[in-house]
């Protein structure tokens, strides 16, 4: 099972008053990693729109396991758990120096540009196959 990896360095603006990464910032980290994966496989936001499709997040479950701090280098791993007719399930993990920091499990929906459910664009499943479990 292959995962896509994105490295993110924690910035001062990401911290809460106690010097840890604010829990909400992880959502941006995870989103950036998903967008990077989609860009890499040729289905970034603009390319998806050109196919008349978009992929939107509809459900998420986050778990926070350890704190991250200023200048930490986070490794965000992303894999696709499954793709059905109009939905996909994704799993992401954040690690820092071997410590498991956070996880995010999400369900996404494929829609047309008007927001109606749609199948993934042609070629999407093949393009993401190396990250599909």
N, C-alpha and C. Protein backbone atom coordinates (compact mmCIF):
# COMPACT_ATOMS: atom_id res chain seq x y z
N UNK A 1 0.85 -1.17 0.00
CA UNK A 1 0.00 0.00 0.00
C UNK A 1 0.89 1.23 0.00
N UNK A 2 0.80 2.01 -1.03
CA UNK A 2 1.60 3.22 -1.16
C UNK A 2 0.82 4.43 -0.65
N UNK A 3 1.53 5.31 -0.01
CA UNK A 3 0.96 6.58 0.42
C UNK A 3 1.70 7.71 -0.26
N UNK A 4 0.98 8.77 -0.53
CA UNK A 4 1.59 10.00 -1.02
C UNK A 4 2.11 10.75 0.20
N UNK A 5 3.28 11.38 0.08
CA UNK A 5 3.87 12.10 1.22
C UNK A 5 4.08 13.57 0.89
N UNK A 6 3.72 14.41 1.83
CA UNK A 6 3.90 15.86 1.74
C UNK A 6 4.58 16.31 3.02
N UNK A 7 5.61 17.13 2.91
CA UNK A 7 6.27 17.67 4.09
C UNK A 7 5.82 19.11 4.32
N UNK A 8 5.50 19.41 5.58
CA UNK A 8 5.05 20.75 5.96
C UNK A 8 5.83 21.16 7.20
N UNK A 9 6.38 22.35 7.18
CA UNK A 9 7.09 22.90 8.34
C UNK A 9 6.13 23.79 9.12
N UNK A 10 6.05 23.56 10.42
CA UNK A 10 5.17 24.34 11.28
C UNK A 10 5.69 25.77 11.38
N UNK A 11 4.79 26.73 11.14
CA UNK A 11 5.11 28.16 11.21
C UNK A 11 4.54 28.76 12.50
N UNK A 12 5.06 29.91 12.88
CA UNK A 12 4.60 30.59 14.09
C UNK A 12 3.10 30.86 14.04
N UNK A 13 2.59 31.25 12.89
CA UNK A 13 1.17 31.58 12.76
C UNK A 13 0.25 30.36 12.93
N UNK A 14 0.83 29.16 12.94
CA UNK A 14 0.05 27.92 13.11
C UNK A 14 -0.18 27.56 14.59
N UNK A 15 0.46 28.31 15.49
CA UNK A 15 0.47 27.91 16.90
C UNK A 15 -0.69 28.50 17.70
N UNK A 16 -1.08 27.76 18.73
CA UNK A 16 -2.07 28.27 19.68
C UNK A 16 -1.33 29.00 20.81
N UNK A 17 -2.03 29.58 21.78
CA UNK A 17 -1.35 30.34 22.84
C UNK A 17 -0.38 29.52 23.69
N UNK A 18 -0.45 28.19 23.62
CA UNK A 18 0.44 27.33 24.41
C UNK A 18 1.66 26.87 23.62
N UNK A 19 1.79 27.35 22.38
CA UNK A 19 2.96 27.01 21.57
C UNK A 19 2.84 25.72 20.79
N UNK A 20 1.66 25.11 20.78
CA UNK A 20 1.41 23.90 19.98
C UNK A 20 0.67 24.28 18.71
N UNK A 21 0.73 23.41 17.72
CA UNK A 21 -0.06 23.64 16.51
C UNK A 21 -1.53 23.64 16.90
N UNK A 22 -2.25 24.68 16.50
CA UNK A 22 -3.69 24.76 16.75
C UNK A 22 -4.37 23.61 16.03
N UNK A 23 -5.30 22.96 16.70
CA UNK A 23 -5.95 21.78 16.13
C UNK A 23 -6.56 22.04 14.75
N UNK A 24 -7.10 23.21 14.52
CA UNK A 24 -7.73 23.52 13.23
C UNK A 24 -6.71 23.61 12.09
N UNK A 25 -5.46 23.92 12.39
CA UNK A 25 -4.43 24.03 11.35
C UNK A 25 -4.18 22.68 10.67
N UNK A 26 -4.38 21.58 11.42
CA UNK A 26 -4.18 20.27 10.81
C UNK A 26 -5.10 20.06 9.61
N UNK A 27 -6.30 20.64 9.67
CA UNK A 27 -7.20 20.51 8.52
C UNK A 27 -6.58 21.13 7.27
N UNK A 28 -5.92 22.27 7.43
CA UNK A 28 -5.23 22.90 6.29
C UNK A 28 -4.04 22.07 5.83
N UNK A 29 -3.29 21.50 6.78
CA UNK A 29 -2.16 20.65 6.41
C UNK A 29 -2.65 19.46 5.59
N UNK A 30 -3.68 18.80 6.10
CA UNK A 30 -4.21 17.62 5.40
C UNK A 30 -4.79 18.00 4.04
N UNK A 31 -5.48 19.13 3.97
CA UNK A 31 -6.04 19.56 2.69
C UNK A 31 -4.93 19.85 1.68
N UNK A 32 -3.89 20.54 2.12
CA UNK A 32 -2.76 20.82 1.23
C UNK A 32 -2.16 19.53 0.68
N UNK A 33 -2.06 18.52 1.53
CA UNK A 33 -1.50 17.23 1.09
C UNK A 33 -2.41 16.56 0.06
N UNK A 34 -3.75 16.61 0.27
CA UNK A 34 -4.67 16.03 -0.71
C UNK A 34 -4.59 16.76 -2.04
N UNK A 35 -4.53 18.09 -1.99
CA UNK A 35 -4.44 18.89 -3.21
C UNK A 35 -3.14 18.58 -3.95
N UNK A 36 -2.05 18.41 -3.22
CA UNK A 36 -0.77 18.07 -3.84
C UNK A 36 -0.86 16.71 -4.54
N UNK A 37 -1.49 15.73 -3.89
CA UNK A 37 -1.68 14.42 -4.51
C UNK A 37 -2.50 14.56 -5.80
N UNK A 38 -3.62 15.27 -5.72
CA UNK A 38 -4.47 15.44 -6.91
C UNK A 38 -3.71 16.14 -8.04
N UNK A 39 -2.93 17.16 -7.71
CA UNK A 39 -2.12 17.83 -8.73
C UNK A 39 -1.14 16.85 -9.37
N UNK A 40 -0.49 16.04 -8.51
CA UNK A 40 0.51 15.09 -9.00
C UNK A 40 -0.07 14.08 -9.99
N UNK A 41 -1.31 13.64 -9.75
CA UNK A 41 -1.89 12.63 -10.64
C UNK A 41 -2.65 13.25 -11.83
N UNK A 42 -2.59 14.58 -11.94
CA UNK A 42 -3.21 15.24 -13.09
C UNK A 42 -4.68 15.59 -12.92
N UNK A 43 -5.17 15.56 -11.67
CA UNK A 43 -6.57 15.90 -11.41
C UNK A 43 -6.67 16.98 -10.34
N UNK A 44 -5.86 18.03 -10.51
CA UNK A 44 -5.93 19.18 -9.61
C UNK A 44 -7.26 19.90 -9.80
N UNK A 45 -7.47 20.93 -9.03
CA UNK A 45 -8.74 21.65 -9.05
C UNK A 45 -9.11 22.15 -10.45
N UNK A 46 -8.17 22.77 -11.13
CA UNK A 46 -8.46 23.30 -12.47
C UNK A 46 -8.71 22.19 -13.48
N UNK A 47 -7.93 21.11 -13.38
CA UNK A 47 -8.11 19.98 -14.30
C UNK A 47 -9.46 19.29 -14.04
N UNK A 48 -9.84 19.16 -12.78
CA UNK A 48 -11.14 18.57 -12.46
C UNK A 48 -12.26 19.43 -13.02
N UNK A 49 -12.16 20.74 -12.83
CA UNK A 49 -13.19 21.65 -13.35
C UNK A 49 -13.30 21.53 -14.86
N UNK A 50 -12.18 21.34 -15.54
CA UNK A 50 -12.21 21.19 -17.00
C UNK A 50 -12.96 19.93 -17.42
N UNK A 51 -13.03 18.93 -16.53
CA UNK A 51 -13.79 17.71 -16.83
C UNK A 51 -15.26 17.85 -16.43
N UNK A 52 -15.60 19.00 -15.83
CA UNK A 52 -16.97 19.21 -15.36
C UNK A 52 -17.23 18.59 -14.00
N UNK A 53 -16.16 18.29 -13.27
CA UNK A 53 -16.29 17.63 -11.98
C UNK A 53 -15.57 18.43 -10.89
N UNK A 54 -15.99 18.15 -9.67
CA UNK A 54 -15.27 18.64 -8.50
C UNK A 54 -15.34 17.55 -7.44
N UNK A 55 -14.43 17.62 -6.49
CA UNK A 55 -14.44 16.67 -5.39
C UNK A 55 -14.55 17.50 -4.11
N UNK A 56 -15.56 17.18 -3.31
CA UNK A 56 -15.82 17.98 -2.13
C UNK A 56 -15.83 17.10 -0.88
N UNK A 57 -15.36 17.64 0.21
CA UNK A 57 -15.35 16.93 1.48
C UNK A 57 -16.75 16.97 2.09
N UNK A 58 -17.26 15.81 2.50
CA UNK A 58 -18.60 15.78 3.09
C UNK A 58 -18.62 15.25 4.53
N UNK A 59 -17.55 14.58 4.97
CA UNK A 59 -17.52 14.06 6.33
C UNK A 59 -16.08 13.86 6.75
N UNK A 60 -15.78 14.13 8.02
CA UNK A 60 -14.42 13.93 8.50
C UNK A 60 -14.41 13.48 9.94
N UNK A 61 -13.37 12.73 10.27
CA UNK A 61 -13.10 12.32 11.64
C UNK A 61 -11.62 12.54 11.90
N UNK A 62 -11.32 13.40 12.87
CA UNK A 62 -9.93 13.71 13.20
C UNK A 62 -9.59 13.14 14.57
N UNK A 63 -8.33 12.72 14.71
CA UNK A 63 -7.80 12.27 16.00
C UNK A 63 -6.46 12.97 16.20
N UNK A 64 -6.29 13.51 17.40
CA UNK A 64 -5.04 14.18 17.76
C UNK A 64 -4.32 13.32 18.78
N UNK A 65 -3.09 12.97 18.48
CA UNK A 65 -2.37 12.00 19.29
C UNK A 65 -1.16 12.57 20.03
N UNK A 66 -0.59 13.64 19.50
CA UNK A 66 0.59 14.27 20.12
C UNK A 66 0.68 15.71 19.62
N UNK A 67 1.41 16.52 20.35
CA UNK A 67 1.57 17.93 19.98
C UNK A 67 2.68 18.11 18.96
N UNK A 68 2.51 19.13 18.12
CA UNK A 68 3.57 19.59 17.21
C UNK A 68 3.89 21.02 17.60
N UNK A 69 5.13 21.42 17.34
CA UNK A 69 5.60 22.73 17.79
C UNK A 69 6.29 23.49 16.66
N UNK A 70 6.65 24.71 16.97
CA UNK A 70 7.29 25.59 16.00
C UNK A 70 8.49 24.91 15.34
N UNK A 71 8.56 25.02 14.01
CA UNK A 71 9.64 24.50 13.16
C UNK A 71 9.66 22.99 13.03
N UNK A 72 8.70 22.28 13.63
CA UNK A 72 8.63 20.83 13.41
C UNK A 72 8.39 20.56 11.93
N UNK A 73 8.99 19.52 11.43
CA UNK A 73 8.75 19.07 10.06
C UNK A 73 7.76 17.91 10.12
N UNK A 74 6.59 18.14 9.56
CA UNK A 74 5.55 17.12 9.56
C UNK A 74 5.54 16.38 8.24
N UNK A 75 5.44 15.07 8.32
CA UNK A 75 5.27 14.23 7.13
C UNK A 75 3.79 13.84 7.09
N UNK A 76 3.08 14.32 6.07
CA UNK A 76 1.67 14.01 5.92
C UNK A 76 1.55 12.91 4.86
N UNK A 77 1.05 11.75 5.28
CA UNK A 77 0.84 10.65 4.33
C UNK A 77 -0.65 10.61 3.97
N UNK A 78 -0.90 10.34 2.70
CA UNK A 78 -2.28 10.32 2.19
C UNK A 78 -2.47 9.09 1.34
N UNK A 79 -3.58 8.40 1.59
CA UNK A 79 -3.95 7.28 0.72
C UNK A 79 -5.46 7.28 0.55
N UNK A 80 -5.90 6.67 -0.53
CA UNK A 80 -7.32 6.56 -0.82
C UNK A 80 -7.75 5.16 -0.40
N UNK A 81 -8.70 5.09 0.51
CA UNK A 81 -9.17 3.81 1.03
C UNK A 81 -10.10 3.12 0.04
N UNK A 82 -10.98 3.89 -0.60
CA UNK A 82 -11.92 3.29 -1.54
C UNK A 82 -12.54 4.38 -2.42
N UNK A 83 -13.02 3.93 -3.58
CA UNK A 83 -13.78 4.80 -4.48
C UNK A 83 -15.02 4.04 -4.89
N UNK A 84 -16.17 4.64 -4.62
CA UNK A 84 -17.44 4.07 -5.05
C UNK A 84 -17.99 4.89 -6.21
N UNK A 85 -19.28 4.74 -6.46
CA UNK A 85 -19.89 5.42 -7.60
C UNK A 85 -19.67 6.93 -7.61
N UNK A 86 -19.98 7.60 -6.52
CA UNK A 86 -19.82 9.05 -6.47
C UNK A 86 -19.08 9.52 -5.21
N UNK A 87 -18.50 8.58 -4.46
CA UNK A 87 -17.78 8.95 -3.24
C UNK A 87 -16.42 8.28 -3.18
N UNK A 88 -15.59 8.84 -2.33
CA UNK A 88 -14.29 8.23 -2.05
C UNK A 88 -14.00 8.43 -0.57
N UNK A 89 -13.24 7.50 -0.02
CA UNK A 89 -12.81 7.57 1.38
C UNK A 89 -11.29 7.68 1.39
N UNK A 90 -10.78 8.61 2.20
CA UNK A 90 -9.36 8.90 2.28
C UNK A 90 -8.89 8.76 3.72
N UNK A 91 -7.62 8.37 3.89
CA UNK A 91 -7.01 8.30 5.22
C UNK A 91 -5.70 9.08 5.16
N UNK A 92 -5.50 9.95 6.16
CA UNK A 92 -4.28 10.73 6.22
C UNK A 92 -3.69 10.66 7.63
N UNK A 93 -2.37 10.70 7.69
CA UNK A 93 -1.67 10.69 8.97
C UNK A 93 -0.57 11.75 8.95
N UNK A 94 -0.39 12.38 10.10
CA UNK A 94 0.72 13.32 10.29
C UNK A 94 1.70 12.70 11.27
N UNK A 95 2.98 12.69 10.88
CA UNK A 95 4.05 12.19 11.74
C UNK A 95 5.12 13.27 11.87
N UNK A 96 5.77 13.29 13.02
CA UNK A 96 6.88 14.20 13.25
C UNK A 96 8.00 13.42 13.92
N UNK A 97 9.12 13.28 13.24
CA UNK A 97 10.29 12.57 13.78
C UNK A 97 9.89 11.21 14.35
N UNK A 98 9.05 10.49 13.60
CA UNK A 98 8.65 9.16 14.00
C UNK A 98 7.48 9.08 14.97
N UNK A 99 7.01 10.23 15.46
CA UNK A 99 5.86 10.26 16.37
C UNK A 99 4.59 10.49 15.57
N UNK A 100 3.60 9.64 15.83
CA UNK A 100 2.30 9.76 15.17
C UNK A 100 1.55 10.91 15.84
N UNK A 101 1.27 11.98 15.09
CA UNK A 101 0.73 13.22 15.65
C UNK A 101 -0.79 13.31 15.50
N UNK A 102 -1.32 13.01 14.31
CA UNK A 102 -2.75 13.18 14.06
C UNK A 102 -3.17 12.32 12.88
N UNK A 103 -4.48 12.00 12.84
CA UNK A 103 -5.04 11.29 11.69
C UNK A 103 -6.32 12.01 11.25
N UNK A 104 -6.64 11.81 9.99
CA UNK A 104 -7.88 12.35 9.44
C UNK A 104 -8.45 11.31 8.49
N UNK A 105 -9.69 10.93 8.72
CA UNK A 105 -10.43 10.06 7.80
C UNK A 105 -11.55 10.89 7.22
N UNK A 106 -11.64 10.89 5.89
CA UNK A 106 -12.65 11.73 5.24
C UNK A 106 -13.42 10.94 4.19
N UNK A 107 -14.62 11.42 3.95
CA UNK A 107 -15.43 10.95 2.82
C UNK A 107 -15.63 12.15 1.92
N UNK A 108 -15.35 11.95 0.65
CA UNK A 108 -15.51 13.00 -0.35
C UNK A 108 -16.57 12.57 -1.35
N UNK A 109 -17.21 13.55 -1.96
CA UNK A 109 -18.18 13.28 -3.01
C UNK A 109 -17.70 13.91 -4.31
N UNK A 110 -17.91 13.19 -5.38
CA UNK A 110 -17.70 13.76 -6.71
C UNK A 110 -19.02 14.38 -7.13
N UNK A 111 -18.95 15.60 -7.64
CA UNK A 111 -20.16 16.25 -8.14
C UNK A 111 -19.84 16.91 -9.47
N UNK A 112 -20.93 17.27 -10.19
CA UNK A 112 -20.72 18.13 -11.34
C UNK A 112 -20.52 19.54 -10.80
N UNK A 113 -20.30 20.51 -11.66
CA UNK A 113 -19.98 21.85 -11.20
C UNK A 113 -21.17 22.56 -10.57
N UNK A 114 -22.37 22.01 -10.75
CA UNK A 114 -23.57 22.55 -10.10
C UNK A 114 -23.82 21.90 -8.75
N UNK A 115 -22.99 20.92 -8.37
CA UNK A 115 -23.11 20.28 -7.07
C UNK A 115 -23.94 19.01 -7.05
N UNK A 116 -24.35 18.53 -8.22
CA UNK A 116 -25.11 17.27 -8.27
C UNK A 116 -24.14 16.09 -8.27
N UNK A 117 -24.48 15.00 -7.55
CA UNK A 117 -23.60 13.83 -7.51
C UNK A 117 -23.24 13.35 -8.91
N UNK A 118 -22.01 12.92 -9.07
CA UNK A 118 -21.52 12.47 -10.37
C UNK A 118 -20.45 11.40 -10.15
N UNK A 119 -20.19 10.63 -11.17
CA UNK A 119 -19.10 9.66 -11.12
C UNK A 119 -17.76 10.42 -11.21
N UNK A 120 -16.68 9.77 -10.78
CA UNK A 120 -15.36 10.40 -10.94
C UNK A 120 -15.09 10.67 -12.42
N UNK A 121 -14.26 11.65 -12.72
CA UNK A 121 -13.93 11.90 -14.13
C UNK A 121 -13.22 10.69 -14.74
N UNK A 122 -13.36 10.54 -16.04
CA UNK A 122 -12.67 9.46 -16.75
C UNK A 122 -11.18 9.50 -16.44
N UNK A 123 -10.62 8.36 -16.13
CA UNK A 123 -9.20 8.24 -15.86
C UNK A 123 -8.80 8.48 -14.42
N UNK A 124 -9.71 8.99 -13.59
CA UNK A 124 -9.36 9.31 -12.21
C UNK A 124 -8.95 8.06 -11.42
N UNK A 125 -9.75 7.02 -11.50
CA UNK A 125 -9.47 5.81 -10.72
C UNK A 125 -8.12 5.22 -11.12
N UNK A 126 -7.83 5.17 -12.41
CA UNK A 126 -6.52 4.67 -12.84
C UNK A 126 -5.38 5.57 -12.35
N UNK A 127 -5.60 6.88 -12.40
CA UNK A 127 -4.54 7.80 -12.00
C UNK A 127 -4.22 7.72 -10.51
N UNK A 128 -5.22 7.46 -9.69
CA UNK A 128 -5.03 7.41 -8.24
C UNK A 128 -4.71 5.99 -7.75
N UNK A 129 -4.69 5.03 -8.64
CA UNK A 129 -4.56 3.61 -8.27
C UNK A 129 -3.35 3.32 -7.38
N UNK A 130 -2.24 3.99 -7.57
CA UNK A 130 -1.05 3.68 -6.75
C UNK A 130 -1.22 4.10 -5.29
N UNK A 131 -2.22 4.94 -5.01
CA UNK A 131 -2.48 5.36 -3.64
C UNK A 131 -3.77 4.75 -3.09
N UNK A 132 -4.34 3.83 -3.85
CA UNK A 132 -5.60 3.18 -3.47
C UNK A 132 -5.30 1.88 -2.74
N UNK A 133 -5.90 1.70 -1.55
CA UNK A 133 -5.65 0.49 -0.78
C UNK A 133 -6.57 -0.63 -1.20
